[in-house]
Amino acid sequence: MAFICYEDSTDSWSLFARMKKKIKQIMVSVIGKEFKKWSN
């Protein structure tokens, strides 16, 4: 998780951090939908 510290240092690092953030949001939303399906 060290790369988060370098988020603003270079364009490539910040782009990578944004990509990871977006992937995390997608994963969370997908897992949330699946969880609701199973809990109901």
Protein backbone atom coordinates (compact mmCIF):
# COMPACT_ATOMS: atom_id res chain seq x y z
CA MET A 1 0.00 0.00 0.00
CA ALA A 2 3.07 2.26 -0.03
CA PHE A 3 2.32 3.63 -3.51
CA ILE A 4 -0.59 5.68 -2.11
CA CYS A 5 2.03 7.99 -0.52
CA TYR A 6 3.36 8.82 -3.99
CA GLU A 7 -0.06 9.57 -5.49
CA ASP A 8 0.81 13.20 -6.27
CA SER A 9 4.49 12.73 -7.14
CA THR A 10 4.08 11.65 -10.78
CA ASP A 11 1.29 11.34 -13.33
CA SER A 12 1.75 7.58 -13.67
CA TRP A 13 1.47 7.02 -9.92
CA SER A 14 -1.64 9.21 -9.57
CA LEU A 15 -3.22 7.51 -12.58
CA PHE A 16 -2.46 4.11 -11.03
CA ALA A 17 -3.95 5.23 -7.71
CA ARG A 18 -7.11 6.52 -9.44
CA MET A 19 -7.45 3.24 -11.33
CA LYS A 20 -7.12 1.25 -8.10
CA LYS A 21 -9.68 3.53 -6.42
CA LYS A 22 -12.13 3.04 -9.29
CA ILE A 23 -11.61 -0.73 -9.31
CA LYS A 24 -12.18 -0.80 -5.55
CA GLN A 25 -15.46 1.14 -5.93
CA ILE A 26 -16.66 -1.27 -8.63
CA MET A 27 -15.70 -4.28 -6.51
CA VAL A 28 -17.49 -2.84 -3.46
CA SER A 29 -20.67 -2.12 -5.43
CA VAL A 30 -20.69 -5.57 -7.04
CA ILE A 31 -20.05 -7.29 -3.70
CA GLY A 32 -22.76 -5.16 -2.10
CA LYS A 33 -25.32 -6.18 -4.74
CA GLU A 34 -24.39 -9.87 -4.36
CA PHE A 35 -24.59 -9.58 -0.57
CA LYS A 36 -28.09 -8.05 -0.77
CA LYS A 37 -29.16 -10.84 -3.12
CA TRP A 38 -27.94 -13.52 -0.70
CA SER A 39 -29.27 -11.85 2.46
CA ASN A 40 -32.82 -11.46 1.07
